[in-house]
Amino acid sequence: MVASQLIENKIAGIEPTKVFTIEDLGFPHDWWENVRVKLGRMVKLGLIEKVGRGKYYKPKTSVFGNIGPAPSEIVKDLMYDNGTLSGYITGYAVWNQMGLTSQISNVIIIGTSRRRDSMTQGNYEIRFIMQPNKITSNSIPLLQILDSIKLIKQIPDTTVDKSIGILKKHITELDEKRLATIVKLSMKYPPRVRALLGAILESTGNDKYISELKQSLNPTSTYSIGLNDSSDINPNNWNIE
C-alpha cells in the first residue's frame, strides 16, 4: 500500500473534531515531510482543517454546517508542562458551561502556573492568566469559580447581580470539604474575590468561614464591582459596592 493511502487510512480512523499532529499519526520520522505535504493537500481539498501550526482536525458535518473542535481540544497541548498539569480552561468557555452567559467567544482563557504570551490558533485568540495556586484536577472546578468571581465584570451579556445569583447556586452545591478548599484557594486571589466569596457564603447561611475571610481583608478597603439594589447579598457587610 502506498504511503498516501496509509496516511488517509490513519486519518480516517481519527474521531471528527479531535485535534491531531503529525507525531500523533505514528509514522516514522523519515515520513514526516511526506505526511506534511499530504496533510496540506487534504486541507486544500477541505477534507481536514488546520487549527494552528502543525495541528489539524477532521470537521464534523451537521445540518448547520461543519463543526470544529471544542476549545479543550484546541488547547490540550498547552495544559501540560513536561507531562505535569500546568493549565486549565477558564473564562468564556466555562461561563457558558456554568450558565453565566450564552454568548460564544473566540477567546480562550487559560489559567496557568507560569507567564505566557497571548497567541492565535486557527480562529481562536488564546489568552493566559496567572494562577498562583497549585493546579490539580480536583482544584480546577474551584479555581474556575474563583476566576469567575475575579472577572465578574467581564462576563458578557449579563449583569453582575445575575452572575452572583448563578455563582451562589454553584457554591451552594459544594460539600464541606470543597468549601474549605475554595476558601483556602481564595487567599491567593485579590481581596475583592475574598470579599465577594464571603458575601455569597454569608447569603447562603454558611457562617463557618466568614470570620476567616473577613480577617484576610483590610476593614477600610472598599471593592467596586458594579452592584445594584437587586443583589441578594449584603454588600455593606463586606464593603462591596
Protein backbone atom coordinates (compact mmCIF):
# COMPACT_ATOMS: atom_id res chain seq x y z
CA MET A 1 0.00 0.00 0.00
CA VAL A 2 1.43 3.42 -0.97
CA ALA A 3 2.27 5.97 1.72
CA SER A 4 -0.52 8.32 0.62
CA GLN A 5 -3.15 5.65 1.20
CA LEU A 6 -1.66 4.71 4.57
CA ILE A 7 -1.90 8.34 5.68
CA GLU A 8 -5.50 8.59 4.51
CA ASN A 9 -6.39 5.37 6.33
CA LYS A 10 -4.78 6.63 9.52
CA ILE A 11 -6.71 9.89 9.40
CA ALA A 12 -9.93 8.03 8.60
CA GLY A 13 -9.65 6.36 11.99
CA ILE A 14 -9.43 9.67 13.86
CA GLU A 15 -12.60 10.89 15.52
CA PRO A 16 -14.05 14.06 13.92
CA THR A 17 -13.22 17.32 15.78
CA LYS A 18 -10.28 15.64 17.56
CA VAL A 19 -7.13 17.71 17.11
CA PHE A 20 -4.06 15.77 15.98
CA THR A 21 -0.47 16.43 14.95
CA ILE A 22 1.89 14.65 12.57
CA GLU A 23 3.51 12.98 15.58
CA ASP A 24 0.13 11.64 16.71
CA LEU A 25 -0.22 9.72 13.43
CA GLY A 26 2.62 7.43 14.49
CA PHE A 27 4.62 7.35 11.26
CA PRO A 28 8.45 7.11 11.21
CA HIS A 29 10.30 10.42 11.32
CA ASP A 30 11.62 9.98 7.79
CA TRP A 31 7.98 10.02 6.60
CA TRP A 32 7.10 13.31 8.25
CA GLU A 33 7.84 15.58 5.30
CA ASN A 34 5.67 13.41 3.05
CA VAL A 35 2.96 13.39 5.71
CA ARG A 36 3.14 17.19 5.96
CA VAL A 37 2.70 17.53 2.19
CA LYS A 38 -0.20 15.08 2.19
CA LEU A 39 -1.94 16.91 5.02
CA GLY A 40 -1.50 20.20 3.17
CA ARG A 41 -3.25 18.71 0.15
CA MET A 42 -6.07 17.38 2.30
CA VAL A 43 -6.53 20.86 3.81
CA LYS A 44 -6.83 22.36 0.32
CA LEU A 45 -9.44 19.74 -0.58
CA GLY A 46 -11.43 20.54 2.56
CA LEU A 47 -11.02 17.02 3.96
CA ILE A 48 -9.31 18.31 7.10
CA GLU A 49 -8.81 21.74 8.66
CA LYS A 50 -5.74 23.36 10.15
CA VAL A 51 -6.08 24.90 13.60
CA GLY A 52 -2.64 26.28 14.32
CA ARG A 53 0.90 25.34 13.45
CA GLY A 54 1.13 21.59 12.86
CA LYS A 55 -2.35 20.96 14.31
CA TYR A 56 -5.26 19.54 12.29
CA TYR A 57 -8.74 18.10 12.71
CA LYS A 58 -11.49 16.47 10.71
CA PRO A 59 -14.59 18.67 10.76
CA LYS A 60 -17.87 17.12 11.80
CA THR A 61 -20.71 17.73 9.35
CA SER A 62 -24.14 18.74 10.64
CA VAL A 63 -27.30 20.36 9.23
CA PHE A 64 -25.86 23.68 10.44
CA GLY A 65 -22.57 23.18 8.61
CA ASN A 66 -19.15 21.98 9.72
CA ILE A 67 -18.46 21.71 13.44
CA GLY A 68 -14.95 22.34 14.71
CA PRO A 69 -13.17 21.09 17.83
CA ALA A 70 -14.10 22.16 21.35
CA PRO A 71 -11.82 24.74 23.00
CA SER A 72 -10.43 21.98 25.24
CA GLU A 73 -9.24 20.10 22.14
CA ILE A 74 -7.60 23.16 20.60
CA VAL A 75 -5.51 23.96 23.67
CA LYS A 76 -4.93 20.48 25.13
CA ASP A 77 -1.21 20.67 24.33
CA LEU A 78 -0.96 23.89 26.38
CA MET A 79 -2.28 22.27 29.56
CA TYR A 80 0.87 20.33 30.43
CA ASP A 81 4.49 21.21 31.08
CA ASN A 82 6.80 18.21 30.67
CA GLY A 83 3.91 15.90 31.49
CA THR A 84 2.76 17.87 34.55
CA LEU A 85 -0.64 19.56 34.61
CA SER A 86 0.06 23.30 34.48
CA GLY A 87 -3.05 24.86 32.94
CA TYR A 88 -6.83 24.74 32.71
CA ILE A 89 -9.57 26.40 30.68
CA THR A 90 -11.37 29.25 32.40
CA GLY A 91 -13.25 32.36 31.30
CA TYR A 92 -15.72 32.37 28.40
CA ALA A 93 -15.94 28.63 27.74
CA VAL A 94 -16.52 27.93 31.44
CA TRP A 95 -19.03 30.78 31.75
CA ASN A 96 -21.08 29.08 29.03
CA GLN A 97 -20.97 25.76 30.89
CA MET A 98 -21.88 27.37 34.21
CA GLY A 99 -24.83 29.23 32.70
CA LEU A 100 -23.30 32.64 33.37
CA THR A 101 -23.63 33.69 29.72
CA SER A 102 -24.95 32.31 26.46
CA GLN A 103 -22.55 34.37 24.37
CA ILE A 104 -19.98 32.38 22.38
CA SER A 105 -16.48 33.84 22.19
CA ASN A 106 -13.47 33.14 20.02
CA VAL A 107 -11.26 33.94 23.01
CA ILE A 108 -9.98 31.01 25.08
CA ILE A 109 -8.63 31.91 28.51
CA ILE A 110 -6.21 29.54 30.21
CA GLY A 111 -5.20 29.70 33.86
CA THR A 112 -1.54 28.80 34.06
CA SER A 113 1.24 28.40 36.59
CA ARG A 114 3.70 30.43 34.52
CA ARG A 115 3.56 33.58 32.44
CA ARG A 116 2.85 33.09 28.75
CA ASP A 117 2.19 35.47 25.88
CA SER A 118 -1.15 35.51 24.08
CA MET A 119 -1.30 33.57 20.83
CA THR A 120 -3.63 32.70 17.98
CA GLN A 121 -4.62 29.18 16.93
CA GLY A 122 -6.98 28.94 13.99
CA ASN A 123 -9.87 31.32 14.62
CA TYR A 124 -9.20 31.49 18.35
CA GLU A 125 -7.28 34.03 20.39
CA ILE A 126 -5.69 32.35 23.39
CA ARG A 127 -5.01 34.42 26.49
CA PHE A 128 -3.32 33.35 29.70
CA ILE A 129 -3.91 34.43 33.29
CA MET A 130 -1.59 33.59 36.16
CA GLN A 131 -2.80 31.08 38.74
CA PRO A 132 -0.74 31.28 41.97
CA ASN A 133 -2.36 28.17 43.46
CA LYS A 134 -1.24 24.66 42.58
CA ILE A 135 -3.28 23.37 39.64
CA THR A 136 -4.73 19.89 40.11
CA SER A 137 -7.65 18.07 38.52
CA ASN A 138 -9.53 18.39 41.83
CA SER A 139 -8.86 22.11 42.27
CA ILE A 140 -9.75 23.20 38.73
CA PRO A 141 -13.57 23.48 39.24
CA LEU A 142 -12.95 25.61 42.34
CA LEU A 143 -10.38 27.78 40.58
CA GLN A 144 -12.89 28.31 37.77
CA ILE A 145 -15.44 29.61 40.28
CA LEU A 146 -12.86 31.94 41.83
CA ASP A 147 -11.77 33.14 38.39
CA SER A 148 -15.41 33.89 37.58
CA ILE A 149 -15.68 35.99 40.73
CA LYS A 150 -12.43 37.77 39.88
CA LEU A 151 -13.56 38.52 36.31
CA ILE A 152 -17.25 39.01 37.12
CA LYS A 153 -17.41 42.45 35.46
CA GLN A 154 -16.11 40.92 32.21
CA ILE A 155 -18.81 38.25 31.85
CA PRO A 156 -20.70 39.30 28.68
CA ASP A 157 -24.43 39.67 28.05
CA THR A 158 -25.44 39.69 31.73
CA THR A 159 -25.29 41.78 34.91
CA VAL A 160 -23.11 41.43 37.97
CA ASP A 161 -26.19 40.73 40.08
CA LYS A 162 -27.35 37.88 37.83
CA SER A 163 -23.85 36.43 37.84
CA ILE A 164 -23.77 36.49 41.64
CA GLY A 165 -27.04 34.56 41.75
CA ILE A 166 -25.69 31.85 39.46
CA LEU A 167 -22.35 31.64 41.25
CA LYS A 168 -24.25 31.31 44.52
CA LYS A 169 -26.01 28.20 43.16
CA HIS A 170 -22.69 26.62 42.19
CA ILE A 171 -21.12 27.43 45.57
CA THR A 172 -24.16 26.08 47.43
CA GLU A 173 -23.61 22.72 45.71
CA LEU A 174 -20.11 22.35 47.20
CA ASP A 175 -19.72 19.92 50.09
CA GLU A 176 -17.99 20.93 53.31
CA LYS A 177 -14.56 19.72 52.22
CA ARG A 178 -14.68 21.65 48.95
CA LEU A 179 -15.99 24.75 50.70
CA ALA A 180 -12.95 24.66 52.99
CA THR A 181 -10.71 24.22 49.94
CA ILE A 182 -12.22 27.09 47.94
CA VAL A 183 -11.77 29.42 50.92
CA LYS A 184 -8.13 28.33 51.22
CA LEU A 185 -7.55 28.82 47.49
CA SER A 186 -9.16 32.28 47.62
CA MET A 187 -6.38 33.51 49.92
CA LYS A 188 -4.09 33.82 46.89
CA TYR A 189 -6.67 35.84 44.95
CA PRO A 190 -7.20 39.62 45.16
CA PRO A 191 -9.11 40.86 48.25
CA ARG A 192 -12.23 41.70 46.21
CA VAL A 193 -12.57 37.99 45.36
CA ARG A 194 -12.47 37.01 49.04
CA ALA A 195 -14.95 39.78 49.87
CA LEU A 196 -17.48 38.62 47.27
CA LEU A 197 -16.94 34.96 48.17
CA GLY A 198 -17.60 35.85 51.80
CA ALA A 199 -20.74 37.80 50.90
CA ILE A 200 -22.05 34.87 48.85
CA LEU A 201 -21.32 32.36 51.61
CA GLU A 202 -23.00 34.66 54.13
CA SER A 203 -26.10 34.87 51.92
CA THR A 204 -26.35 31.06 51.91
CA GLY A 205 -26.41 31.00 55.71
CA ASN A 206 -22.96 29.40 55.93
CA ASP A 207 -21.14 31.35 58.65
CA LYS A 208 -18.30 28.88 59.19
CA TYR A 209 -15.74 30.73 57.03
CA ILE A 210 -16.99 34.32 57.46
CA SER A 211 -14.53 35.23 60.20
CA GLU A 212 -11.54 33.77 58.31
CA LEU A 213 -12.43 35.67 55.13
CA LYS A 214 -13.11 38.95 56.95
CA GLN A 215 -9.82 38.76 58.83
CA SER A 216 -7.99 38.46 55.50
CA LEU A 217 -9.42 41.82 54.36
CA ASN A 218 -8.47 45.41 55.16
CA PRO A 219 -11.51 46.81 57.01
CA THR A 220 -11.00 50.25 55.44
CA SER A 221 -10.90 49.00 51.83
CA THR A 222 -13.92 49.07 49.51
CA TYR A 223 -14.49 46.84 46.49
CA SER A 224 -16.32 48.21 43.46
CA ILE A 225 -17.91 45.51 41.29
CA GLY A 226 -20.98 47.34 39.94
CA LEU A 227 -23.79 46.05 42.15
CA ASN A 228 -27.34 47.39 42.06
CA ASP A 229 -30.16 47.14 44.59
CA SER A 230 -31.43 43.78 43.30
CA SER A 231 -28.46 41.80 44.59
CA ASP A 232 -29.26 39.04 47.09
CA ILE A 233 -26.08 39.56 49.10
CA ASN A 234 -25.43 42.10 51.86
CA PRO A 235 -22.69 44.26 50.30
CA ASN A 236 -22.38 46.59 53.30
CA ASN A 237 -21.02 43.78 55.47
CA TRP A 238 -18.14 43.37 53.01
CA ASN A 239 -17.57 46.94 51.80
CA ILE A 240 -18.76 45.95 48.34
CA GLU A 241 -20.36 48.49 46.04
